Amino acid sequence: MANTPQSKKRARQTERRTAINKARRSRIRTFLKKVEVALAGGDADVAKTALQAAQPELMRGVTKGVVHKNTASRKISRLAARVKALSTKAA
C-alpha cells in the first residue's frame, strides 16, 4: 500500500490512466470488430469504409501509447489485405 504522499498520488494517477487506456483499447476493438463483421458479411463497401474509420483510431492508440506501432501496422495491413481480397472477389 502507498505510504508517502508521492506514492499515493502516483497510485491515483495510475488509476485514472488505467481507466482512460481501457476506454481507448475498448474503442479500438469496437472499430476493428466493425471491420470484421463487414468482412464476415461479405460487404466490400461497408468493409472498406469501416477500415478507413478504424485506421486513424488504431494509429491514435499508437500515439497515446496504448498499442505498439508494429502491432497497429500489422493489424491494418492484414485487414487491408482481406478487404482488398473481398473487393476483388466481389468485382
N, C-alpha and C. Protein backbone atom coordinates (compact mmCIF):
# COMPACT_ATOMS: atom_id res chain seq x y z
N MET A 1 0.85 -1.19 0.00
CA MET A 1 0.00 0.00 0.00
C MET A 1 0.88 1.24 0.00
N ALA A 2 0.41 2.30 -0.67
CA ALA A 2 1.17 3.54 -0.76
C ALA A 2 1.22 4.24 0.60
N ASN A 3 2.41 4.68 0.97
CA ASN A 3 2.58 5.34 2.26
C ASN A 3 2.91 6.83 2.14
N THR A 4 3.84 7.15 1.25
CA THR A 4 4.25 8.55 1.12
C THR A 4 3.23 9.31 0.28
N PRO A 5 3.18 10.62 0.46
CA PRO A 5 2.23 11.42 -0.35
C PRO A 5 2.46 11.22 -1.85
N GLN A 6 3.72 11.14 -2.27
CA GLN A 6 4.03 10.97 -3.69
C GLN A 6 3.54 9.61 -4.20
N SER A 7 3.72 8.57 -3.41
CA SER A 7 3.27 7.25 -3.87
C SER A 7 1.74 7.17 -3.90
N LYS A 8 1.09 7.91 -3.00
CA LYS A 8 -0.38 7.96 -3.02
C LYS A 8 -0.86 8.67 -4.29
N LYS A 9 -0.16 9.74 -4.62
CA LYS A 9 -0.52 10.49 -5.83
C LYS A 9 -0.31 9.63 -7.07
N ARG A 10 0.82 8.91 -7.12
CA ARG A 10 1.10 8.04 -8.26
C ARG A 10 0.02 6.96 -8.39
N ALA A 11 -0.44 6.45 -7.27
CA ALA A 11 -1.50 5.44 -7.30
C ALA A 11 -2.78 6.02 -7.88
N ARG A 12 -3.11 7.25 -7.50
CA ARG A 12 -4.30 7.91 -8.04
C ARG A 12 -4.15 8.13 -9.55
N GLN A 13 -2.97 8.60 -9.95
CA GLN A 13 -2.73 8.86 -11.37
C GLN A 13 -2.82 7.57 -12.18
N THR A 14 -2.25 6.51 -11.64
CA THR A 14 -2.29 5.22 -12.33
C THR A 14 -3.71 4.75 -12.51
N GLU A 15 -4.53 4.93 -11.49
CA GLU A 15 -5.93 4.54 -11.57
C GLU A 15 -6.65 5.28 -12.70
N ARG A 16 -6.41 6.59 -12.77
CA ARG A 16 -7.03 7.41 -13.83
C ARG A 16 -6.56 6.98 -15.21
N ARG A 17 -5.24 6.82 -15.36
CA ARG A 17 -4.67 6.45 -16.66
C ARG A 17 -5.18 5.08 -17.11
N THR A 18 -5.29 4.16 -16.14
CA THR A 18 -5.77 2.82 -16.46
C THR A 18 -7.18 2.87 -17.03
N ALA A 19 -8.02 3.67 -16.42
CA ALA A 19 -9.41 3.81 -16.89
C ALA A 19 -9.44 4.40 -18.30
N ILE A 20 -8.62 5.42 -18.53
CA ILE A 20 -8.58 6.07 -19.84
C ILE A 20 -8.07 5.10 -20.90
N ASN A 21 -6.98 4.39 -20.57
CA ASN A 21 -6.41 3.45 -21.53
C ASN A 21 -7.35 2.29 -21.82
N LYS A 22 -8.09 1.85 -20.81
CA LYS A 22 -9.05 0.77 -21.01
C LYS A 22 -10.14 1.23 -21.98
N ALA A 23 -10.60 2.46 -21.82
CA ALA A 23 -11.62 3.01 -22.72
C ALA A 23 -11.08 3.11 -24.15
N ARG A 24 -9.83 3.54 -24.28
CA ARG A 24 -9.22 3.65 -25.61
C ARG A 24 -9.11 2.29 -26.28
N ARG A 25 -8.63 1.30 -25.52
CA ARG A 25 -8.50 -0.05 -26.06
C ARG A 25 -9.85 -0.60 -26.49
N SER A 26 -10.87 -0.36 -25.69
CA SER A 26 -12.21 -0.82 -25.99
C SER A 26 -12.72 -0.17 -27.28
N ARG A 27 -12.48 1.12 -27.41
CA ARG A 27 -12.90 1.86 -28.61
C ARG A 27 -12.22 1.30 -29.86
N ILE A 28 -10.93 1.02 -29.75
CA ILE A 28 -10.18 0.47 -30.88
C ILE A 28 -10.75 -0.89 -31.26
N ARG A 29 -11.01 -1.73 -30.25
CA ARG A 29 -11.56 -3.06 -30.51
C ARG A 29 -12.92 -2.97 -31.20
N THR A 30 -13.72 -1.99 -30.81
CA THR A 30 -15.04 -1.80 -31.42
C THR A 30 -14.89 -1.49 -32.91
N PHE A 31 -13.97 -0.60 -33.24
CA PHE A 31 -13.75 -0.24 -34.64
C PHE A 31 -13.25 -1.45 -35.45
N LEU A 32 -12.36 -2.23 -34.84
CA LEU A 32 -11.84 -3.42 -35.52
C LEU A 32 -12.95 -4.46 -35.71
N LYS A 33 -13.82 -4.57 -34.71
CA LYS A 33 -14.92 -5.52 -34.78
C LYS A 33 -15.86 -5.17 -35.94
N LYS A 34 -16.09 -3.87 -36.17
CA LYS A 34 -16.95 -3.44 -37.26
C LYS A 34 -16.39 -3.89 -38.61
N VAL A 35 -15.05 -3.83 -38.74
CA VAL A 35 -14.41 -4.29 -39.98
C VAL A 35 -14.60 -5.80 -40.11
N GLU A 36 -14.38 -6.52 -39.02
CA GLU A 36 -14.51 -7.98 -39.02
C GLU A 36 -15.94 -8.40 -39.40
N VAL A 37 -16.92 -7.72 -38.84
CA VAL A 37 -18.32 -8.05 -39.13
C VAL A 37 -18.63 -7.79 -40.60
N ALA A 38 -18.12 -6.69 -41.14
CA ALA A 38 -18.35 -6.37 -42.55
C ALA A 38 -17.68 -7.40 -43.45
N LEU A 39 -16.48 -7.84 -43.05
CA LEU A 39 -15.79 -8.87 -43.84
C LEU A 39 -16.56 -10.19 -43.80
N ALA A 40 -17.04 -10.54 -42.62
CA ALA A 40 -17.81 -11.78 -42.48
C ALA A 40 -19.11 -11.72 -43.28
N GLY A 41 -19.70 -10.53 -43.34
CA GLY A 41 -20.93 -10.34 -44.10
C GLY A 41 -20.71 -10.34 -45.59
N GLY A 42 -19.47 -10.12 -46.01
CA GLY A 42 -19.16 -10.14 -47.43
C GLY A 42 -19.45 -8.83 -48.15
N ASP A 43 -19.67 -7.77 -47.40
CA ASP A 43 -19.96 -6.48 -48.00
C ASP A 43 -18.68 -5.66 -48.14
N ALA A 44 -18.17 -5.56 -49.36
CA ALA A 44 -16.88 -4.92 -49.61
C ALA A 44 -16.91 -3.42 -49.31
N ASP A 45 -18.00 -2.74 -49.70
CA ASP A 45 -18.07 -1.29 -49.49
C ASP A 45 -18.11 -0.93 -48.01
N VAL A 46 -18.91 -1.66 -47.26
CA VAL A 46 -19.01 -1.42 -45.83
C VAL A 46 -17.68 -1.73 -45.15
N ALA A 47 -17.04 -2.81 -45.58
CA ALA A 47 -15.74 -3.19 -45.00
C ALA A 47 -14.70 -2.12 -45.27
N LYS A 48 -14.73 -1.57 -46.46
CA LYS A 48 -13.76 -0.54 -46.83
C LYS A 48 -13.95 0.72 -45.99
N THR A 49 -15.19 1.16 -45.83
CA THR A 49 -15.44 2.36 -45.02
C THR A 49 -15.13 2.10 -43.55
N ALA A 50 -15.42 0.90 -43.08
CA ALA A 50 -15.11 0.56 -41.69
C ALA A 50 -13.60 0.55 -41.46
N LEU A 51 -12.86 0.05 -42.43
CA LEU A 51 -11.39 0.04 -42.32
C LEU A 51 -10.84 1.46 -42.32
N GLN A 52 -11.41 2.31 -43.17
CA GLN A 52 -10.96 3.71 -43.21
C GLN A 52 -11.24 4.42 -41.89
N ALA A 53 -12.30 4.03 -41.21
CA ALA A 53 -12.60 4.61 -39.90
C ALA A 53 -11.72 4.02 -38.81
N ALA A 54 -11.33 2.75 -38.97
CA ALA A 54 -10.55 2.07 -37.94
C ALA A 54 -9.07 2.48 -37.97
N GLN A 55 -8.55 2.78 -39.15
CA GLN A 55 -7.12 3.10 -39.26
C GLN A 55 -6.70 4.27 -38.39
N PRO A 56 -7.33 5.44 -38.47
CA PRO A 56 -6.90 6.54 -37.61
C PRO A 56 -7.09 6.25 -36.13
N GLU A 57 -8.12 5.48 -35.81
CA GLU A 57 -8.37 5.14 -34.41
C GLU A 57 -7.25 4.27 -33.87
N LEU A 58 -6.80 3.33 -34.67
CA LEU A 58 -5.71 2.44 -34.27
C LEU A 58 -4.40 3.22 -34.13
N MET A 59 -4.13 4.11 -35.07
CA MET A 59 -2.90 4.90 -35.01
C MET A 59 -2.95 5.91 -33.86
N ARG A 60 -4.13 6.37 -33.50
CA ARG A 60 -4.27 7.24 -32.34
C ARG A 60 -3.89 6.47 -31.07
N GLY A 61 -4.24 5.20 -31.05
CA GLY A 61 -3.85 4.35 -29.94
C GLY A 61 -2.34 4.23 -29.84
N VAL A 62 -1.66 4.25 -30.99
CA VAL A 62 -0.20 4.20 -31.00
C VAL A 62 0.38 5.46 -30.39
N THR A 63 -0.14 6.61 -30.80
CA THR A 63 0.41 7.88 -30.28
C THR A 63 0.15 8.04 -28.80
N LYS A 64 -0.94 7.43 -28.31
CA LYS A 64 -1.27 7.52 -26.89
C LYS A 64 -0.57 6.44 -26.07
N GLY A 65 0.13 5.53 -26.75
CA GLY A 65 0.89 4.51 -26.03
C GLY A 65 0.07 3.31 -25.59
N VAL A 66 -1.10 3.14 -26.17
CA VAL A 66 -1.96 2.02 -25.79
C VAL A 66 -1.61 0.77 -26.61
N VAL A 67 -1.22 0.99 -27.87
CA VAL A 67 -0.89 -0.10 -28.78
C VAL A 67 0.50 0.16 -29.34
N HIS A 68 1.28 -0.90 -29.55
CA HIS A 68 2.60 -0.74 -30.15
C HIS A 68 2.45 -0.45 -31.64
N LYS A 69 3.38 0.34 -32.17
CA LYS A 69 3.31 0.79 -33.56
C LYS A 69 3.28 -0.39 -34.54
N ASN A 70 4.14 -1.36 -34.31
CA ASN A 70 4.20 -2.51 -35.23
C ASN A 70 2.93 -3.36 -35.16
N THR A 71 2.36 -3.45 -33.98
CA THR A 71 1.11 -4.20 -33.81
C THR A 71 0.00 -3.55 -34.62
N ALA A 72 -0.10 -2.23 -34.50
CA ALA A 72 -1.13 -1.49 -35.23
C ALA A 72 -0.92 -1.63 -36.74
N SER A 73 0.32 -1.49 -37.18
CA SER A 73 0.62 -1.60 -38.61
C SER A 73 0.28 -2.99 -39.12
N ARG A 74 0.59 -4.01 -38.33
CA ARG A 74 0.31 -5.39 -38.72
C ARG A 74 -1.20 -5.62 -38.86
N LYS A 75 -1.96 -5.12 -37.88
CA LYS A 75 -3.41 -5.29 -37.91
C LYS A 75 -4.01 -4.58 -39.13
N ILE A 76 -3.57 -3.35 -39.37
CA ILE A 76 -4.09 -2.59 -40.51
C ILE A 76 -3.75 -3.30 -41.82
N SER A 77 -2.51 -3.77 -41.92
CA SER A 77 -2.06 -4.44 -43.13
C SER A 77 -2.88 -5.69 -43.41
N ARG A 78 -3.09 -6.50 -42.39
CA ARG A 78 -3.84 -7.75 -42.57
C ARG A 78 -5.30 -7.49 -42.92
N LEU A 79 -5.89 -6.49 -42.25
CA LEU A 79 -7.28 -6.16 -42.56
C LEU A 79 -7.41 -5.59 -43.97
N ALA A 80 -6.46 -4.74 -44.36
CA ALA A 80 -6.49 -4.14 -45.70
C ALA A 80 -6.38 -5.22 -46.77
N ALA A 81 -5.55 -6.21 -46.51
CA ALA A 81 -5.40 -7.31 -47.47
C ALA A 81 -6.71 -8.09 -47.60
N ARG A 82 -7.37 -8.32 -46.47
CA ARG A 82 -8.64 -9.06 -46.50
C ARG A 82 -9.74 -8.26 -47.21
N VAL A 83 -9.76 -6.93 -46.96
CA VAL A 83 -10.75 -6.07 -47.62
C VAL A 83 -10.50 -6.05 -49.12
N LYS A 84 -9.22 -5.96 -49.49
CA LYS A 84 -8.87 -5.93 -50.91
C LYS A 84 -9.26 -7.24 -51.59
N ALA A 85 -8.99 -8.36 -50.91
CA ALA A 85 -9.35 -9.66 -51.46
C ALA A 85 -10.86 -9.77 -51.64
N LEU A 86 -11.60 -9.25 -50.68
CA LEU A 86 -13.07 -9.29 -50.74
C LEU A 86 -13.59 -8.45 -51.91
N SER A 87 -13.00 -7.27 -52.08
CA SER A 87 -13.48 -6.39 -53.17
C SER A 87 -13.09 -6.93 -54.56
N THR A 88 -11.95 -7.62 -54.64
CA THR A 88 -11.58 -8.21 -55.94
C THR A 88 -12.47 -9.41 -56.24
N LYS A 89 -12.81 -10.16 -55.19
CA LYS A 89 -13.68 -11.33 -55.38
C LYS A 89 -15.09 -10.89 -55.79
N ALA A 90 -15.53 -9.76 -55.20
CA ALA A 90 -16.88 -9.26 -55.48
C ALA A 90 -16.97 -8.68 -56.89
N ALA A 91 -15.86 -8.11 -57.35
CA ALA A 91 -15.87 -7.46 -58.69
C ALA A 91 -15.76 -8.42 -59.83
